[in-house]
């Protein structure tokens, strides 16, 4: 399997086996092309305001000049702690244009988590939204940060609307806790300063670092995946090639439009929404808070859109919402599912309601992120993570690191391709552990492959539950329980058990109030062999999730 690629036979007509990752010398070259080619087009739509490519170009040039004026040398790190607001793409373009490195930060971090990431990355500057300024205040003195730029929700909405939005956010919704950051500069003031300066264009090479994408926060110490300019460029071109058969169905002359409900600081939205849209000259609908489902649906009701990358929990929440019908879903060409396993029941409901199947893919922060995907031409949900995308090689390894060649036999998924990171930031030992001698990245995910080259994830190594020596994979149990009438969401974890070593614990959020534990147990008894059945069942009103919507099994394990 390392010498041939059986999955190429499954590729739709016109999708290439490989892409040319040398097409652009840097992400800056890709962005410069988009700014010139699509200057008059809308780049971003946010709260009723459209921002053109030309405006994004000018604003990012000004902010890049401001950053250089601070004395930041090429290669230094700048942290971004922003939700999906128009300032985010401007700041990313500015950081890269100034020859600096983007450090994406989750705005919902605690002071402890933020301090770790700022120290670990050595960030000299941070751009953040004022809603989370109090978090920075609590740890700033213990970090290397010398420059703070503060954004507000209404910064880019014009004088009157911006002032109104800021008033509502600050005074009515009280979303900005009190803070004291006396040296902070306001975003619009920084732009004004930068407009007076001159942007010096640094030489940027394909092997220069574009961003540090922190990962592993749900499993241990958060570490930075070093993504080079060429890694992200490769993944943009791979994703473009893969989506082409569906995107070609957009009527001629219509601007490709994508919904960006996933946070841009997450690598999935960073590459597949923002960077790919720039490459295509597409419009991106920025959704600042995907958890506010009525607001998401209200915004989407105003647009025609063609692509929607999301996680299973978001597809599920939207499809079950009473306002779902207020949106015109008929133009949707690609529903990309990633970040976590998409459940059969969710995919079935989504197809029923939109006519557009969920096309599940797979990726990691370490791989920029996409490595495999189902065919965008499918008309039904497959339950697999599809096949490796152009230029990507995947194989399965046993515990000794040898390749698993038998179809259906589980092994750890290992990935090779131009999108694979250069390593973990200043962690050579962890980088060495994650890579094989022949250049494959070991994902930590257990999967199987069929004869056609389709991969299926059985589970994360660490999430597996060992019941009396039998392996129980939470994903399998969750897929079954999700099909039980009355279940909205569910998660499975292993908990210590005196008799069996570990036992299966099931946590359920009800769709209908009359669902009982007895009904659930009867359903599981019918669908699952004895050792896979939950010993403990708990009902909750919601499941703990990351901001991307990924269920945090760790938290369910910790709260026994």
Protein backbone atom coordinates (compact mmCIF):
# COMPACT_ATOMS: atom_id res chain seq x y z
CA UNK A 1 0.00 0.00 0.00
CA UNK A 2 2.94 2.36 0.38
CA UNK A 3 3.99 1.79 -3.22
CA UNK A 4 0.60 2.19 -4.88
CA UNK A 5 -2.56 4.15 -4.18
CA UNK A 6 -5.63 1.91 -4.59
CA UNK A 7 -7.91 4.86 -3.76
CA UNK A 8 -7.07 6.71 -7.00
CA UNK A 9 -9.48 4.41 -8.84
CA UNK A 10 -12.32 5.91 -6.76
CA UNK A 11 -11.47 9.53 -7.67
CA UNK A 12 -14.19 11.36 -9.63
CA UNK A 13 -13.31 12.24 -13.23
CA UNK A 14 -11.08 15.31 -13.46
CA UNK A 15 -9.72 15.14 -9.90
CA UNK A 16 -5.91 14.89 -10.18
CA UNK A 17 -3.76 12.37 -8.30
CA UNK A 18 -1.38 15.14 -7.21
CA UNK A 19 -1.29 18.94 -7.01
CA UNK A 20 1.51 21.42 -7.64
CA UNK A 21 2.32 22.82 -4.18
CA UNK A 22 4.97 25.10 -5.72
CA UNK A 23 2.29 27.14 -7.51
CA UNK A 24 2.71 29.98 -4.98
CA UNK A 25 5.94 30.93 -3.20
CA UNK A 26 3.94 31.91 -0.09
CA UNK A 27 0.45 32.51 1.24
CA UNK A 28 1.18 36.21 0.64
CA UNK A 29 1.56 35.48 -3.08
CA UNK A 30 -1.78 33.64 -3.05
CA UNK A 31 -3.47 36.56 -1.24
CA UNK A 32 -1.86 39.21 -3.48
CA UNK A 33 -3.24 37.40 -6.51
CA UNK A 34 -6.75 37.33 -4.98
CA UNK A 35 -6.63 41.01 -3.98
CA UNK A 36 -5.67 42.02 -7.54
CA UNK A 37 -7.92 39.60 -9.41
CA UNK A 38 -11.07 39.99 -7.31
CA UNK A 39 -10.69 43.59 -6.03
CA UNK A 40 -14.35 44.53 -6.68
CA UNK A 41 -15.86 41.35 -5.25
CA UNK A 42 -17.24 40.94 -1.73
CA UNK A 43 -14.73 39.04 0.40
CA UNK A 44 -16.63 38.96 3.72
CA UNK A 45 -20.19 39.54 4.83
CA UNK A 46 -20.67 40.33 8.53
CA UNK A 47 -23.78 41.56 10.33
CA UNK A 48 -25.20 43.11 7.16
CA UNK A 49 -21.95 44.77 6.09
CA UNK A 50 -20.00 43.66 3.01
CA UNK A 51 -16.21 44.03 2.89
CA UNK A 52 -14.56 43.88 -0.55
CA UNK A 53 -11.26 42.26 -1.50
CA UNK A 54 -9.90 45.77 -2.22
CA UNK A 55 -10.85 46.96 1.27
CA UNK A 56 -9.32 43.88 2.91
CA UNK A 57 -6.18 44.49 0.85
CA UNK A 58 -5.85 48.14 1.92
CA UNK A 59 -6.65 47.49 5.60
CA UNK A 60 -4.18 44.60 5.82
CA UNK A 61 -1.42 46.69 4.20
CA UNK A 62 -1.98 49.43 6.78
CA UNK A 63 -1.97 46.97 9.69
CA UNK A 64 1.14 45.21 8.33
CA UNK A 65 2.94 48.58 8.22
CA UNK A 66 1.81 49.23 11.81
CA UNK A 67 3.26 45.87 12.96
CA UNK A 68 6.57 46.57 11.23
CA UNK A 69 6.58 50.01 12.85
CA UNK A 70 6.54 48.32 16.27
CA UNK A 71 9.98 46.93 15.44
CA UNK A 72 8.82 43.32 15.04
CA UNK A 73 11.43 41.38 13.06
CA UNK A 74 10.52 38.79 10.38
CA UNK A 75 9.76 35.41 11.97
CA UNK A 76 8.48 36.86 15.25
CA UNK A 77 5.10 35.63 16.47
CA UNK A 78 1.85 37.58 16.73
CA UNK A 79 -1.11 36.03 18.55
CA UNK A 80 -4.71 36.48 17.33
CA UNK A 81 -7.52 36.03 19.87
CA UNK A 82 -10.59 36.91 17.82
CA UNK A 83 -13.95 35.34 16.93
CA UNK A 84 -15.26 35.42 13.34
CA UNK A 85 -15.15 39.18 12.76
CA UNK A 86 -13.85 41.07 9.67
CA UNK A 87 -10.72 42.10 11.61
CA UNK A 88 -9.57 38.46 11.68
CA UNK A 89 -8.77 38.04 7.94
CA UNK A 90 -7.29 41.56 7.87
CA UNK A 91 -4.94 40.76 10.77
CA UNK A 92 -3.90 37.38 9.31
CA UNK A 93 -3.07 38.96 5.94
CA UNK A 94 -1.15 41.75 7.73
CA UNK A 95 0.90 39.41 9.91
CA UNK A 96 1.90 37.29 6.91
CA UNK A 97 2.61 40.31 4.71
CA UNK A 98 4.91 41.71 7.41
CA UNK A 99 6.89 38.44 7.38
CA UNK A 100 5.62 37.46 10.83
CA UNK A 101 4.06 34.24 12.17
CA UNK A 102 0.37 33.82 13.07
CA UNK A 103 -0.39 32.24 16.45
CA UNK A 104 -4.07 31.31 16.55
CA UNK A 105 -5.57 31.54 20.05
CA UNK A 106 -8.95 30.26 21.21
CA UNK A 107 -10.82 33.34 22.60
CA UNK A 108 -12.47 31.18 25.26
CA UNK A 109 -9.17 30.19 26.88
CA UNK A 110 -8.75 30.64 30.61
CA UNK A 111 -5.88 32.90 31.81
CA UNK A 112 -3.83 29.75 32.55
CA UNK A 113 -4.28 28.35 29.03
CA UNK A 114 -3.61 31.73 27.40
CA UNK A 115 -0.46 32.26 29.46
CA UNK A 116 0.87 28.84 28.40
CA UNK A 117 0.32 29.54 24.71
CA UNK A 118 1.78 33.07 24.75
CA UNK A 119 4.86 31.86 26.65
CA UNK A 120 5.30 28.73 24.56
CA UNK A 121 5.02 30.61 21.25
CA UNK A 122 7.07 33.58 22.47
CA UNK A 123 4.48 35.95 20.99
CA UNK A 124 5.63 39.59 21.12
CA UNK A 125 2.21 41.03 20.21
CA UNK A 126 -1.44 40.04 20.51
CA UNK A 127 -4.58 41.24 18.71
CA UNK A 128 -7.71 40.41 20.69
CA UNK A 129 -11.34 41.33 21.04
CA UNK A 130 -12.20 43.43 24.09
CA UNK A 131 -14.74 40.82 25.29
CA UNK A 132 -11.77 38.72 26.49
CA UNK A 133 -9.41 41.52 27.52
CA UNK A 134 -9.86 40.58 31.18
CA UNK A 135 -8.38 37.14 30.43
CA UNK A 136 -5.23 38.74 29.03
CA UNK A 137 -5.02 41.22 31.91
CA UNK A 138 -4.80 38.33 34.38
CA UNK A 139 -1.70 36.79 32.75
CA UNK A 140 -0.07 39.54 30.65
CA UNK A 141 2.73 40.33 33.13
CA UNK A 142 3.94 36.70 32.95
CA UNK A 143 4.15 36.57 29.15
CA UNK A 144 6.62 37.94 26.56
CA UNK A 145 3.87 40.11 25.00
CA UNK A 146 4.98 43.74 24.53
CA UNK A 147 2.20 45.06 22.28
CA UNK A 148 -1.58 44.71 22.67
CA UNK A 149 -4.13 45.72 20.02
CA UNK A 150 -7.79 45.73 21.10
CA UNK A 151 -10.67 45.14 18.70
CA UNK A 152 -14.39 45.71 19.24
CA UNK A 153 -17.27 43.93 17.46
CA UNK A 154 -18.33 47.11 15.65
CA UNK A 155 -14.86 48.33 14.52
CA UNK A 156 -15.45 47.68 10.84
CA UNK A 157 -19.18 48.36 10.61
CA UNK A 158 -19.00 52.10 9.97
CA UNK A 159 -19.42 54.98 12.41
CA UNK A 160 -23.13 54.77 13.28
CA UNK A 161 -23.73 51.02 13.06
CA UNK A 162 -20.35 50.31 14.71
CA UNK A 163 -21.16 52.58 17.65
CA UNK A 164 -24.58 50.97 18.04
CA UNK A 165 -23.20 47.42 17.91
CA UNK A 166 -20.47 48.28 20.44
CA UNK A 167 -23.04 49.89 22.75
CA UNK A 168 -25.27 46.80 22.64
CA UNK A 169 -22.32 44.40 23.18
CA UNK A 170 -20.87 46.45 26.06
CA UNK A 171 -23.89 47.93 27.83
CA UNK A 172 -26.98 45.92 26.91
CA UNK A 173 -25.63 42.37 26.63
CA UNK A 174 -22.80 43.14 29.08
CA UNK A 175 -20.39 40.93 27.10
CA UNK A 176 -17.26 42.98 27.92
CA UNK A 177 -16.16 42.45 31.56
CA UNK A 178 -14.19 45.29 33.14
CA UNK A 179 -10.45 45.24 32.37
CA UNK A 180 -7.36 47.41 32.64
CA UNK A 181 -4.83 47.26 29.80
CA UNK A 182 -3.38 50.79 29.88
CA UNK A 183 -0.83 50.22 27.08
CA UNK A 184 -3.32 48.71 24.64
CA UNK A 185 -3.89 50.38 21.26
CA UNK A 186 -7.32 50.36 19.60
CA UNK A 187 -7.51 48.52 16.27
CA UNK A 188 -8.79 51.51 14.31
CA UNK A 189 -6.05 53.71 15.81
CA UNK A 190 -3.43 51.13 14.79
CA UNK A 191 -4.83 51.20 11.23
CA UNK A 192 -4.63 55.00 11.18
CA UNK A 193 -0.99 54.84 12.30
CA UNK A 194 -0.19 52.16 9.70
CA UNK A 195 -1.74 54.24 6.92
CA UNK A 196 0.94 56.87 7.62
CA UNK A 197 3.70 54.23 7.45
CA UNK A 198 5.14 52.22 4.56
CA UNK A 199 4.98 48.45 4.22
CA UNK A 200 8.37 46.93 3.48
CA UNK A 201 7.91 43.68 1.58
CA UNK A 202 10.07 40.97 3.16
CA UNK A 203 11.26 38.00 1.14
CA UNK A 204 9.06 35.05 2.14
CA UNK A 205 10.04 31.51 1.15
CA UNK A 206 7.85 28.37 0.97
CA UNK A 207 9.69 26.87 3.98
CA UNK A 208 9.10 29.93 6.20
CA UNK A 209 6.69 29.42 9.09
CA UNK A 210 3.18 30.75 8.38
CA UNK A 211 1.47 29.80 11.62
CA UNK A 212 1.70 27.96 14.91
CA UNK A 213 -1.51 25.98 15.29
CA UNK A 214 -1.89 24.78 18.86
CA UNK A 215 -3.26 21.32 19.41
CA UNK A 216 -3.55 18.65 22.07
CA UNK A 217 -5.28 20.88 24.58
CA UNK A 218 -7.96 18.23 25.05
CA UNK A 219 -5.43 15.47 25.59
CA UNK A 220 -2.51 17.04 27.46
CA UNK A 221 -0.16 20.02 27.17
CA UNK A 222 -1.12 22.20 24.23
CA UNK A 223 1.70 22.25 21.66
CA UNK A 224 2.18 24.27 18.50
CA UNK A 225 2.09 22.50 15.14
CA UNK A 226 4.54 24.37 12.88
CA UNK A 227 2.76 24.95 9.57
CA UNK A 228 4.89 26.36 6.77
CA UNK A 229 3.59 28.55 3.94
CA UNK A 230 3.87 25.60 1.56
CA UNK A 231 1.89 23.31 3.93
CA UNK A 232 -1.18 25.54 3.94
CA UNK A 233 -0.87 26.37 0.21
CA UNK A 234 -0.81 22.64 -0.55
CA UNK A 235 -3.93 22.00 1.51
CA UNK A 236 -5.81 24.89 -0.12
CA UNK A 237 -5.01 23.49 -3.58
CA UNK A 238 -5.78 19.91 -2.49
CA UNK A 239 -9.18 20.95 -1.11
CA UNK A 240 -9.95 23.03 -4.21
CA UNK A 241 -9.19 20.07 -6.48
CA UNK A 242 -11.26 17.73 -4.32
CA UNK A 243 -14.34 20.00 -4.14
CA UNK A 244 -14.24 20.90 -7.84
CA UNK A 245 -16.80 18.32 -9.12
CA UNK A 246 -19.45 19.81 -6.81
CA UNK A 247 -18.41 23.47 -7.05
CA UNK A 248 -18.49 23.29 -10.86
CA UNK A 249 -22.28 22.99 -10.53
CA UNK A 250 -22.54 26.60 -9.32
CA UNK A 251 -24.26 28.60 -12.11
CA UNK A 252 -21.84 30.55 -14.32
CA UNK A 253 -21.24 34.08 -13.11
CA UNK A 254 -22.37 33.36 -9.55
CA UNK A 255 -19.77 34.09 -6.85
CA UNK A 256 -18.85 30.98 -4.81
CA UNK A 257 -20.15 31.63 -1.29
CA UNK A 258 -19.21 29.76 1.87
CA UNK A 259 -20.71 29.78 5.36
CA UNK A 260 -18.02 30.27 8.01
CA UNK A 261 -19.65 29.12 11.25
CA UNK A 262 -16.55 27.29 12.46
CA UNK A 263 -14.09 29.58 14.28
CA UNK A 264 -11.35 30.93 12.00
CA UNK A 265 -8.70 30.31 14.66
CA UNK A 266 -9.40 26.59 14.12
CA UNK A 267 -7.34 25.18 11.25
CA UNK A 268 -10.39 23.68 9.50
CA UNK A 269 -11.99 27.12 8.96
CA UNK A 270 -8.62 28.86 8.50
CA UNK A 271 -7.72 26.75 5.45
CA UNK A 272 -11.03 25.44 4.09
CA UNK A 273 -13.03 28.66 4.61
CA UNK A 274 -10.73 31.69 4.60
CA UNK A 275 -7.73 30.68 2.47
CA UNK A 276 -9.69 28.57 -0.02
CA UNK A 277 -12.26 31.37 -0.47
CA UNK A 278 -9.42 33.78 -1.26
CA UNK A 279 -8.04 31.40 -3.84
CA UNK A 280 -11.49 31.08 -5.47
CA UNK A 281 -12.47 34.75 -5.15
CA UNK A 282 -15.36 33.59 -3.00
CA UNK A 283 -17.55 35.37 -0.47
CA UNK A 284 -17.39 34.23 3.14
CA UNK A 285 -20.37 34.71 5.46
CA UNK A 286 -18.84 35.28 8.89
CA UNK A 287 -20.83 33.81 11.79
CA UNK A 288 -19.42 35.19 15.07
CA UNK A 289 -21.26 32.78 17.41
CA UNK A 290 -22.37 29.41 15.96
CA UNK A 291 -23.94 28.42 19.29
CA UNK A 292 -26.64 31.05 18.81
CA UNK A 293 -28.64 28.91 16.37
CA UNK A 294 -31.53 31.39 15.85
CA UNK A 295 -28.99 34.11 14.92
CA UNK A 296 -27.14 31.71 12.57
CA UNK A 297 -30.35 30.79 10.76
CA UNK A 298 -31.48 34.44 10.61
CA UNK A 299 -28.17 35.42 8.96
CA UNK A 300 -28.24 32.48 6.51
CA UNK A 301 -31.80 33.36 5.46
CA UNK A 302 -30.33 36.52 3.82
CA UNK A 303 -27.83 34.71 1.56
CA UNK A 304 -27.39 32.25 -1.29
CA UNK A 305 -24.51 29.96 -0.37
CA UNK A 306 -22.81 26.90 -1.84
CA UNK A 307 -20.49 25.39 0.73
CA UNK A 308 -20.86 24.77 4.45
CA UNK A 309 -18.01 23.21 6.43
CA UNK A 310 -19.22 22.22 9.91
CA UNK A 311 -19.02 19.65 12.70
CA UNK A 312 -21.65 16.99 13.37
CA UNK A 313 -23.05 18.83 16.41
CA UNK A 314 -23.74 21.98 14.34
CA UNK A 315 -25.42 20.07 11.49
CA UNK A 316 -27.52 18.32 14.14
CA UNK A 317 -28.45 21.49 16.05
CA UNK A 318 -29.47 23.34 12.89
CA UNK A 319 -31.42 20.46 11.35
CA UNK A 320 -33.44 20.04 14.56
CA UNK A 321 -34.13 23.77 14.96
CA UNK A 322 -37.70 25.03 14.34
CA UNK A 323 -36.37 27.93 12.19
CA UNK A 324 -34.47 25.60 9.81
CA UNK A 325 -37.06 26.11 7.07
CA UNK A 326 -36.51 29.89 7.00
CA UNK A 327 -33.26 29.29 5.05
CA UNK A 328 -33.03 28.46 1.34
CA UNK A 329 -30.77 25.38 1.25
CA UNK A 330 -31.30 24.60 -2.44
CA UNK A 331 -28.02 26.20 -3.62
CA UNK A 332 -25.89 24.16 -1.20
CA UNK A 333 -23.39 22.05 -3.16
CA UNK A 334 -20.95 20.82 -0.49
CA UNK A 335 -21.60 20.07 3.18
CA UNK A 336 -18.17 19.23 4.58
CA UNK A 337 -18.17 17.37 7.90
CA UNK A 338 -14.97 17.33 9.94
CA UNK A 339 -13.48 17.85 13.40
CA UNK A 340 -15.26 14.80 14.86
CA UNK A 341 -17.14 11.75 13.61
CA UNK A 342 -20.37 12.61 11.79
CA UNK A 343 -23.17 10.39 13.08
CA UNK A 344 -25.36 8.39 10.70
CA UNK A 345 -28.59 9.79 12.17
CA UNK A 346 -27.37 13.38 11.74
CA UNK A 347 -26.20 12.79 8.15
CA UNK A 348 -29.53 11.16 7.27
CA UNK A 349 -31.54 14.08 8.69
CA UNK A 350 -29.31 16.67 6.96
CA UNK A 351 -29.72 14.97 3.56
CA UNK A 352 -33.47 14.70 4.11
CA UNK A 353 -33.79 18.40 4.94
CA UNK A 354 -31.27 19.99 2.51
CA UNK A 355 -30.88 17.52 -0.33
CA UNK A 356 -27.09 17.91 0.08
CA UNK A 357 -25.29 14.92 1.66
CA UNK A 358 -22.74 15.46 4.42
CA UNK A 359 -19.37 14.71 2.87
CA UNK A 360 -17.23 13.59 5.80
CA UNK A 361 -13.53 14.32 5.77
CA UNK A 362 -10.65 13.85 8.17
CA UNK A 363 -7.74 15.98 9.21
CA UNK A 364 -5.67 17.34 12.07
CA UNK A 365 -4.00 20.60 13.08
CA UNK A 366 -0.72 18.87 12.20
CA UNK A 367 -1.85 18.35 8.59
CA UNK A 368 -3.15 21.85 7.74
CA UNK A 369 -5.80 20.06 8.23
CA UNK A 370 -7.33 17.93 5.44
CA UNK A 371 -5.94 14.48 4.62
CA UNK A 372 -8.90 12.42 3.42
CA UNK A 373 -12.47 12.99 2.34
CA UNK A 374 -15.47 11.26 0.88
CA UNK A 375 -16.26 11.95 -2.77
CA UNK A 376 -18.20 15.20 -3.18
CA UNK A 377 -20.22 13.37 -5.84
CA UNK A 378 -21.76 10.92 -3.33
CA UNK A 379 -25.49 10.96 -2.77
CA UNK A 380 -25.45 9.14 0.55
CA UNK A 381 -23.49 9.08 3.78
CA UNK A 382 -20.78 6.38 3.83
CA UNK A 383 -19.72 6.35 7.50
CA UNK A 384 -16.07 6.39 6.38
CA UNK A 385 -13.54 9.25 6.27
CA UNK A 386 -13.22 8.61 2.53
CA UNK A 387 -9.96 8.33 0.64
CA UNK A 388 -6.70 10.31 0.78
CA UNK A 389 -6.99 13.61 -1.13
CA UNK A 390 -4.60 14.45 -4.02
CA UNK A 391 -0.89 14.17 -3.16
CA UNK A 392 -1.61 12.40 0.15
CA UNK A 393 -0.50 8.95 1.26
CA UNK A 394 -2.02 7.06 4.18
CA UNK A 395 -1.28 3.72 5.77
CA UNK A 396 -2.01 1.81 8.97
CA UNK A 397 0.67 0.86 11.50
CA UNK A 398 0.62 -1.80 14.20
CA UNK A 399 2.04 -1.29 17.71
CA UNK A 400 5.54 -2.13 16.44
CA UNK A 401 5.31 0.48 13.69
CA UNK A 402 4.95 -2.11 10.92
CA UNK A 403 2.43 -1.56 8.16
CA UNK A 404 -0.90 -3.38 8.50
CA UNK A 405 -1.61 -4.84 5.07
CA UNK A 406 -4.68 -6.98 5.76
CA UNK A 407 -7.97 -5.37 4.73
CA UNK A 408 -10.21 -4.70 7.75
CA UNK A 409 -7.39 -5.10 10.30
CA UNK A 410 -7.10 -2.06 12.65
CA UNK A 411 -3.97 0.07 12.89
CA UNK A 412 -2.85 3.60 13.67
CA UNK A 413 -3.44 5.97 10.75
CA UNK A 414 -0.19 7.49 9.43
CA UNK A 415 -0.12 10.32 6.88
CA UNK A 416 2.39 11.65 4.37
CA UNK A 417 1.94 14.62 2.06
CA UNK A 418 2.86 18.25 1.38
CA UNK A 419 0.36 19.42 4.01
CA UNK A 420 2.10 17.64 6.93
CA UNK A 421 3.63 20.02 9.49
CA UNK A 422 7.35 20.64 9.91
CA UNK A 423 7.08 19.50 13.55
CA UNK A 424 5.98 20.69 16.98
CA UNK A 425 7.26 24.15 18.01
CA UNK A 426 10.43 23.73 20.08
CA UNK A 427 9.58 20.11 20.97
CA UNK A 428 12.05 17.95 19.02
CA UNK A 429 11.38 14.84 21.13
CA UNK A 430 7.64 14.98 20.57
CA UNK A 431 8.21 15.65 16.87
CA UNK A 432 10.46 12.59 16.64
CA UNK A 433 7.83 10.44 18.39
CA UNK A 434 5.11 11.64 16.02
CA UNK A 435 7.01 10.94 12.79
CA UNK A 436 8.16 7.67 11.24
CA UNK A 437 11.56 7.19 9.63
CA UNK A 438 9.98 7.36 6.17
CA UNK A 439 8.25 10.70 6.85
CA UNK A 440 4.75 9.68 7.91
CA UNK A 441 2.93 11.52 10.71
CA UNK A 442 1.35 9.18 13.29
CA UNK A 443 -2.14 10.51 13.97
CA UNK A 444 -3.06 8.65 17.17
CA UNK A 445 -6.28 7.54 15.46
CA UNK A 446 -7.11 3.88 14.99
CA UNK A 447 -8.60 2.99 11.63
CA UNK A 448 -9.25 0.27 9.08
CA UNK A 449 -8.98 0.34 5.29
CA UNK A 450 -11.04 -1.59 2.75
CA UNK A 451 -9.90 -3.00 -0.58
CA UNK A 452 -10.86 0.18 -2.45
CA UNK A 453 -8.69 2.40 -0.23
CA UNK A 454 -11.49 3.90 1.89
CA UNK A 455 -10.48 4.51 5.49
CA UNK A 456 -12.72 4.33 8.53
CA UNK A 457 -11.81 5.57 11.99
CA UNK A 458 -12.60 3.18 14.79
CA UNK A 459 -11.41 5.57 17.49
CA UNK A 460 -8.68 7.56 19.17
CA UNK A 461 -6.11 5.33 20.86
CA UNK A 462 -6.75 6.95 24.22
CA UNK A 463 -10.58 6.92 23.99
CA UNK A 464 -10.83 3.17 23.63
CA UNK A 465 -12.58 1.44 26.56
CA UNK A 466 -11.19 -1.92 27.70
CA UNK A 467 -13.99 -4.08 29.16
CA UNK A 468 -12.73 -7.44 30.46
CA UNK A 469 -10.05 -7.43 27.78
CA UNK A 470 -12.47 -6.53 24.98
CA UNK A 471 -11.98 -3.28 23.03
CA UNK A 472 -15.01 -1.01 23.01
CA UNK A 473 -14.83 1.96 20.64
CA UNK A 474 -16.97 4.89 21.86
CA UNK A 475 -17.69 6.03 18.28
CA UNK A 476 -19.44 2.75 17.53
CA UNK A 477 -21.66 2.90 20.64
CA UNK A 478 -22.45 6.59 20.00
CA UNK A 479 -23.45 5.85 16.38
CA UNK A 480 -25.90 3.22 17.62
CA UNK A 481 -27.38 5.31 20.45
CA UNK A 482 -27.77 8.35 18.14
CA UNK A 483 -30.31 6.29 16.15
CA UNK A 484 -32.48 5.64 19.22
CA UNK A 485 -35.71 7.67 19.03
CA UNK A 486 -35.68 10.49 21.56
CA UNK A 487 -31.88 10.95 21.61
CA UNK A 488 -30.57 14.40 20.57
CA UNK A 489 -26.87 13.93 21.43
CA UNK A 490 -24.78 11.36 23.21
CA UNK A 491 -21.23 10.57 24.27
CA UNK A 492 -19.52 7.44 25.56
CA UNK A 493 -16.55 7.18 27.93
CA UNK A 494 -14.82 4.49 29.95
CA UNK A 495 -14.99 4.61 33.75
CA UNK A 496 -13.13 2.38 36.25
CA UNK A 497 -14.95 -0.81 37.24
CA UNK A 498 -13.93 -3.34 39.91
CA UNK A 499 -15.14 -6.37 37.97
CA UNK A 500 -14.29 -5.55 34.37
CA UNK A 501 -11.43 -3.04 34.70
CA UNK A 502 -13.41 -0.44 32.80
CA UNK A 503 -17.10 -0.04 32.13
CA UNK A 504 -18.99 1.85 29.43
CA UNK A 505 -20.68 5.05 30.56
CA UNK A 506 -23.26 6.69 28.30
CA UNK A 507 -24.24 10.34 28.66
CA UNK A 508 -27.38 11.42 26.77
CA UNK A 509 -29.13 14.68 25.94
CA UNK A 510 -32.81 13.98 25.26
CA UNK A 511 -34.71 15.15 22.20
CA UNK A 512 -38.02 14.12 23.78
CA UNK A 513 -38.64 14.38 27.52
CA UNK A 514 -40.36 10.99 27.80
CA UNK A 515 -37.25 8.97 26.85
CA UNK A 516 -36.43 6.62 29.75
CA UNK A 517 -33.33 4.76 30.83
CA UNK A 518 -35.23 1.48 30.38
CA UNK A 519 -35.97 2.34 26.72
CA UNK A 520 -32.33 3.20 26.11
CA UNK A 521 -31.14 -0.03 27.70
CA UNK A 522 -33.60 -2.09 25.63
CA UNK A 523 -32.39 -0.35 22.45
CA UNK A 524 -28.71 -0.97 23.30
CA UNK A 525 -29.46 -4.61 24.23
CA UNK A 526 -30.94 -5.08 20.78
CA UNK A 527 -28.10 -3.35 18.91
CA UNK A 528 -24.92 -4.08 20.91
CA UNK A 529 -23.19 -7.17 22.20
CA UNK A 530 -23.04 -7.55 26.01
CA UNK A 531 -19.67 -5.97 26.76
CA UNK A 532 -20.42 -2.93 24.57
CA UNK A 533 -23.63 -2.05 26.39
CA UNK A 534 -23.51 0.93 28.77
CA UNK A 535 -23.27 -0.04 32.42
CA UNK A 536 -23.97 3.53 33.50
CA UNK A 537 -26.43 5.92 31.84
CA UNK A 538 -26.64 9.58 32.72
CA UNK A 539 -29.01 12.21 31.33
CA UNK A 540 -27.81 15.80 30.93
CA UNK A 541 -29.19 18.99 29.41
CA UNK A 542 -26.01 19.51 27.36
CA UNK A 543 -22.62 17.93 26.64
CA UNK A 544 -19.30 19.73 27.27
CA UNK A 545 -17.80 20.84 23.96
CA UNK A 546 -14.85 22.73 22.56
CA UNK A 547 -15.72 26.04 20.85
CA UNK A 548 -15.61 24.16 17.54
CA UNK A 549 -18.37 21.87 18.81
CA UNK A 550 -16.27 18.77 19.45
CA UNK A 551 -17.54 16.76 22.43
CA UNK A 552 -15.02 16.75 25.30
CA UNK A 553 -14.99 13.14 26.40
CA UNK A 554 -12.22 13.96 28.87
CA UNK A 555 -14.55 16.19 30.89
CA UNK A 556 -17.16 13.46 31.00
CA UNK A 557 -14.52 11.04 32.27
CA UNK A 558 -13.33 13.50 34.92
CA UNK A 559 -16.85 14.09 36.24
CA UNK A 560 -17.82 10.60 37.23
